[in-house]
N, C-alpha and C. Protein backbone atom coordinates (compact mmCIF):
# COMPACT_ATOMS: atom_id res chain seq x y z
N UNK A 1 -16.82 27.60 -14.52
CA UNK A 1 -17.96 29.20 -13.84
C UNK A 1 -18.88 27.32 -13.20
N UNK A 2 -19.12 28.37 -11.73
CA UNK A 2 -19.92 27.55 -11.05
C UNK A 2 -21.93 28.01 -11.21
N UNK A 3 -22.46 26.81 -11.02
CA UNK A 3 -23.92 27.07 -11.03
C UNK A 3 -24.84 26.12 -9.75
N UNK A 4 -26.05 27.08 -9.49
CA UNK A 4 -26.57 26.60 -7.95
C UNK A 4 -27.07 24.89 -8.69
N UNK A 5 -27.33 24.65 -7.53
CA UNK A 5 -27.68 23.20 -7.87
C UNK A 5 -28.73 22.58 -6.28
N UNK A 6 -29.87 22.69 -6.30
CA UNK A 6 -31.09 22.38 -5.74
C UNK A 6 -31.14 20.94 -5.36
N UNK A 7 -30.97 20.11 -3.71
CA UNK A 7 -31.24 18.93 -3.88
C UNK A 7 -32.40 18.80 -2.65
N UNK A 8 -32.60 18.24 -2.44
CA UNK A 8 -33.91 17.33 -1.67
C UNK A 8 -33.06 15.91 -1.20
N UNK A 9 -32.69 16.43 0.34
CA UNK A 9 -31.95 14.97 1.03
C UNK A 9 -33.16 15.05 2.89
N UNK A 10 -33.00 14.12 3.05
CA UNK A 10 -33.04 13.65 4.30
C UNK A 10 -32.10 14.91 5.57
N UNK A 11 -33.25 14.79 6.44
CA UNK A 11 -32.34 15.82 7.23
C UNK A 11 -31.34 15.67 8.16
N UNK A 12 -31.24 14.48 8.45
CA UNK A 12 -30.09 13.68 9.03
C UNK A 12 -29.40 13.93 8.68
N UNK A 13 -29.32 13.33 7.32
CA UNK A 13 -27.90 13.13 6.59
C UNK A 13 -27.64 14.45 6.29
N UNK A 14 -28.48 15.84 6.04
CA UNK A 14 -27.71 17.07 6.06
C UNK A 14 -26.67 17.26 6.89
N UNK A 15 -27.26 17.05 8.46
CA UNK A 15 -26.87 17.88 9.60
C UNK A 15 -25.63 16.73 9.93
N UNK A 16 -25.52 15.41 9.75
CA UNK A 16 -24.30 15.00 9.38
C UNK A 16 -23.26 15.61 8.45
N UNK A 17 -23.46 15.89 7.47
CA UNK A 17 -23.29 16.02 6.13
C UNK A 17 -22.10 17.74 6.38
N UNK A 18 -22.95 18.20 7.28
CA UNK A 18 -22.52 19.42 7.53
C UNK A 18 -21.55 19.92 8.65
N UNK A 19 -21.50 18.73 9.87
CA UNK A 19 -20.78 18.57 10.90
C UNK A 19 -19.59 17.68 9.94
N UNK A 20 -19.65 16.86 9.10
CA UNK A 20 -18.17 16.60 7.91
C UNK A 20 -17.34 17.40 7.90
N UNK A 21 -18.49 18.46 6.88
CA UNK A 21 -17.71 19.10 6.33
C UNK A 21 -16.98 20.43 7.24
N UNK A 22 -17.69 20.60 8.42
CA UNK A 22 -17.05 21.60 9.16
C UNK A 22 -15.62 21.05 9.63
N UNK A 23 -16.04 19.44 10.07
CA UNK A 23 -14.46 19.18 10.92
C UNK A 23 -13.51 18.90 9.62
N UNK A 24 -13.80 18.72 8.38
CA UNK A 24 -13.14 18.81 7.57
C UNK A 24 -12.40 20.30 7.17
N UNK A 25 -12.76 21.34 7.35
CA UNK A 25 -12.82 22.54 7.23
C UNK A 25 -12.96 22.95 5.52
N UNK A 26 -14.12 21.97 5.49
CA UNK A 26 -14.56 22.32 3.65
C UNK A 26 -16.06 22.66 3.87
N UNK A 27 -16.08 23.17 2.09
CA UNK A 27 -17.50 23.77 2.47
C UNK A 27 -18.51 22.14 1.61
N UNK A 28 -19.73 22.12 2.03
CA UNK A 28 -20.95 21.00 2.09
C UNK A 28 -20.60 20.97 0.40
N UNK A 29 -20.79 22.31 -0.10
CA UNK A 29 -20.79 21.89 -1.44
C UNK A 29 -19.29 21.63 -2.07
N UNK A 30 -18.59 21.62 -1.97
CA UNK A 30 -17.24 21.56 -2.36
C UNK A 30 -17.08 19.94 -1.99
N UNK A 31 -17.72 19.44 -1.05
CA UNK A 31 -17.42 18.14 -0.48
C UNK A 31 -18.46 17.09 -1.27
N UNK A 32 -19.45 17.82 -1.93
CA UNK A 32 -20.37 17.09 -2.97
C UNK A 32 -20.10 17.49 -4.58
N UNK A 33 -19.05 18.50 -4.48
CA UNK A 33 -18.81 18.79 -5.93
C UNK A 33 -17.23 17.26 -6.23
N UNK A 34 -16.74 17.67 -5.59
CA UNK A 34 -15.34 16.50 -5.29
C UNK A 34 -15.84 15.13 -5.31
N UNK A 35 -16.88 14.60 -4.85
CA UNK A 35 -17.75 13.57 -4.51
C UNK A 35 -18.32 13.14 -6.04
N UNK A 36 -19.03 13.95 -6.89
CA UNK A 36 -19.74 13.55 -8.27
C UNK A 36 -18.45 13.61 -9.02
N UNK A 37 -17.92 14.71 -9.13
CA UNK A 37 -16.49 14.40 -9.51
C UNK A 37 -15.58 12.87 -9.62
N UNK A 38 -15.54 12.34 -8.13
CA UNK A 38 -15.24 11.27 -8.48
C UNK A 38 -15.80 10.25 -8.92
N UNK A 39 -17.28 10.07 -8.91
CA UNK A 39 -17.92 9.31 -9.86
C UNK A 39 -18.20 9.28 -11.01
N UNK A 40 -17.99 10.41 -11.71
CA UNK A 40 -17.25 10.75 -12.88
C UNK A 40 -16.24 10.61 -13.60
N UNK A 41 -15.40 10.41 -12.58
CA UNK A 41 -13.65 10.48 -13.99
C UNK A 41 -13.27 9.31 -13.31
N UNK A 42 -12.73 8.65 -14.56
CA UNK A 42 -12.44 7.09 -14.11
C UNK A 42 -10.94 7.30 -13.56
N UNK A 43 -9.86 8.33 -14.02
CA UNK A 43 -8.97 8.01 -13.28
C UNK A 43 -8.68 9.71 -12.16
N UNK A 44 -9.55 9.55 -11.36
CA UNK A 44 -9.80 10.52 -9.89
C UNK A 44 -8.79 10.51 -9.14
N UNK A 45 -7.94 11.35 -8.83
CA UNK A 45 -6.67 11.59 -8.08
C UNK A 45 -7.08 12.52 -6.96
N UNK A 46 -8.57 12.64 -6.99
CA UNK A 46 -9.04 13.62 -5.45
C UNK A 46 -8.63 13.14 -4.04
N UNK A 47 -9.07 13.65 -3.25
CA UNK A 47 -8.60 13.10 -1.76
C UNK A 47 -9.38 12.51 -1.47
N UNK A 48 -10.63 12.01 -2.04
CA UNK A 48 -11.19 11.01 -1.86
C UNK A 48 -11.57 9.77 -2.34
N UNK A 49 -10.39 10.11 -3.20
CA UNK A 49 -10.11 8.38 -3.95
C UNK A 49 -9.65 6.95 -2.08
N UNK A 50 -10.76 5.79 -2.81
CA UNK A 50 -10.25 5.07 -1.85
C UNK A 50 -8.07 4.80 -2.00
N UNK A 51 -8.01 4.18 -0.79
CA UNK A 51 -6.96 3.87 -1.00
C UNK A 51 -6.36 2.17 -1.72
N UNK A 52 -5.17 2.21 -2.30
CA UNK A 52 -5.17 0.74 -2.84
C UNK A 52 -5.40 -0.39 -1.51
N UNK A 53 -4.63 -0.38 -0.12
CA UNK A 53 -5.08 -0.74 1.05
C UNK A 53 -6.23 -1.50 1.55
N UNK A 54 -7.32 -0.26 0.93
CA UNK A 54 -8.43 -0.29 1.19
C UNK A 54 -9.17 -1.13 0.00
N UNK A 55 -8.57 -0.81 -0.91
CA UNK A 55 -9.43 -1.82 -1.74
C UNK A 55 -9.08 -3.51 -1.91
N UNK A 56 -8.11 -3.52 -1.63
CA UNK A 56 -7.25 -5.02 -1.32
C UNK A 56 -7.96 -5.77 -0.05
N UNK A 57 -8.37 -5.09 1.15
CA UNK A 57 -8.99 -5.71 1.73
C UNK A 57 -10.24 -6.09 1.81
N UNK A 58 -11.07 -5.45 0.83
CA UNK A 58 -12.72 -5.29 0.29
C UNK A 58 -12.87 -6.93 0.03
N UNK A 59 -13.69 -7.27 0.80
CA UNK A 59 -14.13 -8.86 0.01
C UNK A 59 -15.71 -8.57 -0.60
N UNK A 60 -16.09 -7.77 -0.29
CA UNK A 60 -17.93 -7.93 -0.46
C UNK A 60 -18.55 -8.88 0.37
N UNK A 61 -17.87 -9.49 2.09
CA UNK A 61 -18.45 -10.52 2.45
C UNK A 61 -19.02 -9.80 3.85
N UNK A 62 -20.25 -9.97 3.86
CA UNK A 62 -20.93 -9.12 4.92
C UNK A 62 -20.76 -9.89 6.05
N UNK A 63 -20.41 -8.97 7.23
CA UNK A 63 -20.15 -9.94 8.59
C UNK A 63 -21.74 -9.90 9.31
N UNK A 64 -21.81 -11.15 9.88
CA UNK A 64 -23.27 -10.93 10.58
C UNK A 64 -23.73 -10.30 11.78
N UNK A 65 -24.07 -9.43 12.43
CA UNK A 65 -24.30 -8.63 12.95
C UNK A 65 -24.33 -9.56 14.56
N UNK A 66 -24.18 -10.24 14.71
CA UNK A 66 -24.13 -11.19 16.26
C UNK A 66 -23.13 -11.54 16.57
N UNK A 67 -21.67 -11.26 15.13
CA UNK A 67 -20.48 -11.89 15.50
C UNK A 67 -20.19 -11.79 16.80
N UNK A 68 -19.32 -13.20 17.50
CA UNK A 68 -18.73 -12.82 18.66
C UNK A 68 -17.52 -12.68 18.53
N UNK A 69 -16.91 -11.75 17.42
CA UNK A 69 -15.21 -11.57 17.62
C UNK A 69 -14.36 -11.88 18.40
N UNK A 70 -14.29 -11.47 19.82
CA UNK A 70 -13.69 -12.26 20.73
C UNK A 70 -13.48 -13.83 20.80
N UNK A 71 -14.84 -14.27 20.95
CA UNK A 71 -14.48 -16.15 20.87
C UNK A 71 -14.44 -16.18 19.36
N UNK A 72 -14.51 -15.98 18.38
CA UNK A 72 -13.80 -16.34 16.97
C UNK A 72 -12.14 -16.34 17.09
N UNK A 73 -11.65 -15.19 17.50
CA UNK A 73 -10.30 -15.07 17.46
C UNK A 73 -9.88 -15.94 18.43
N UNK A 74 -10.51 -16.04 20.07
CA UNK A 74 -9.96 -17.13 20.96
C UNK A 74 -9.67 -18.60 20.10
N UNK A 75 -10.81 -18.65 19.71
CA UNK A 75 -11.30 -20.24 18.82
C UNK A 75 -9.69 -20.31 18.09
N UNK A 76 -9.88 -18.91 16.97
CA UNK A 76 -8.58 -19.16 15.94
C UNK A 76 -7.05 -19.45 17.03
N UNK A 77 -6.71 -18.71 18.41
CA UNK A 77 -5.75 -18.92 18.42
C UNK A 77 -5.70 -20.36 19.01
N UNK A 78 -6.89 -20.68 19.59
CA UNK A 78 -6.18 -22.04 20.53
C UNK A 78 -6.15 -23.19 19.30
N UNK A 79 -7.02 -23.24 18.35
CA UNK A 79 -6.21 -23.78 16.91
C UNK A 79 -5.15 -23.50 16.45
N UNK A 80 -4.72 -22.46 16.40
CA UNK A 80 -3.12 -22.18 15.74
C UNK A 80 -2.20 -22.95 17.03
N UNK A 81 -2.47 -22.84 18.25
CA UNK A 81 -1.92 -23.11 18.57
C UNK A 81 -1.72 -24.99 19.84
N UNK A 82 -2.26 -25.49 19.03
CA UNK A 82 -2.47 -27.01 19.42
C UNK A 82 -1.41 -27.62 19.44
C-alpha cells in the first residue's frame, strides 16, 4: 500500500533530483523509496547498491582541492623509471 509523504527540501536539490529521475526514466518518488529501502535493509539488492569495486577503492582519504594531479603523476613516473 502506497502512502503519501511530504518532504521539505532545498529547491536546487529538488530540481537536480527531478532531472536525475527524468534521465533514469523513473519517478522521483520511486527513487526516494528505493533509497530509503536501501538504508533500512541490510542485504539490499536494489540497483542503487554500491558495487564491490567501488567499495574496494574507497579509502576515506580526502583529496586536497588544490592537488596538481598532473605534477603528482609526473613525479611518480620520474621516480618509477629512474
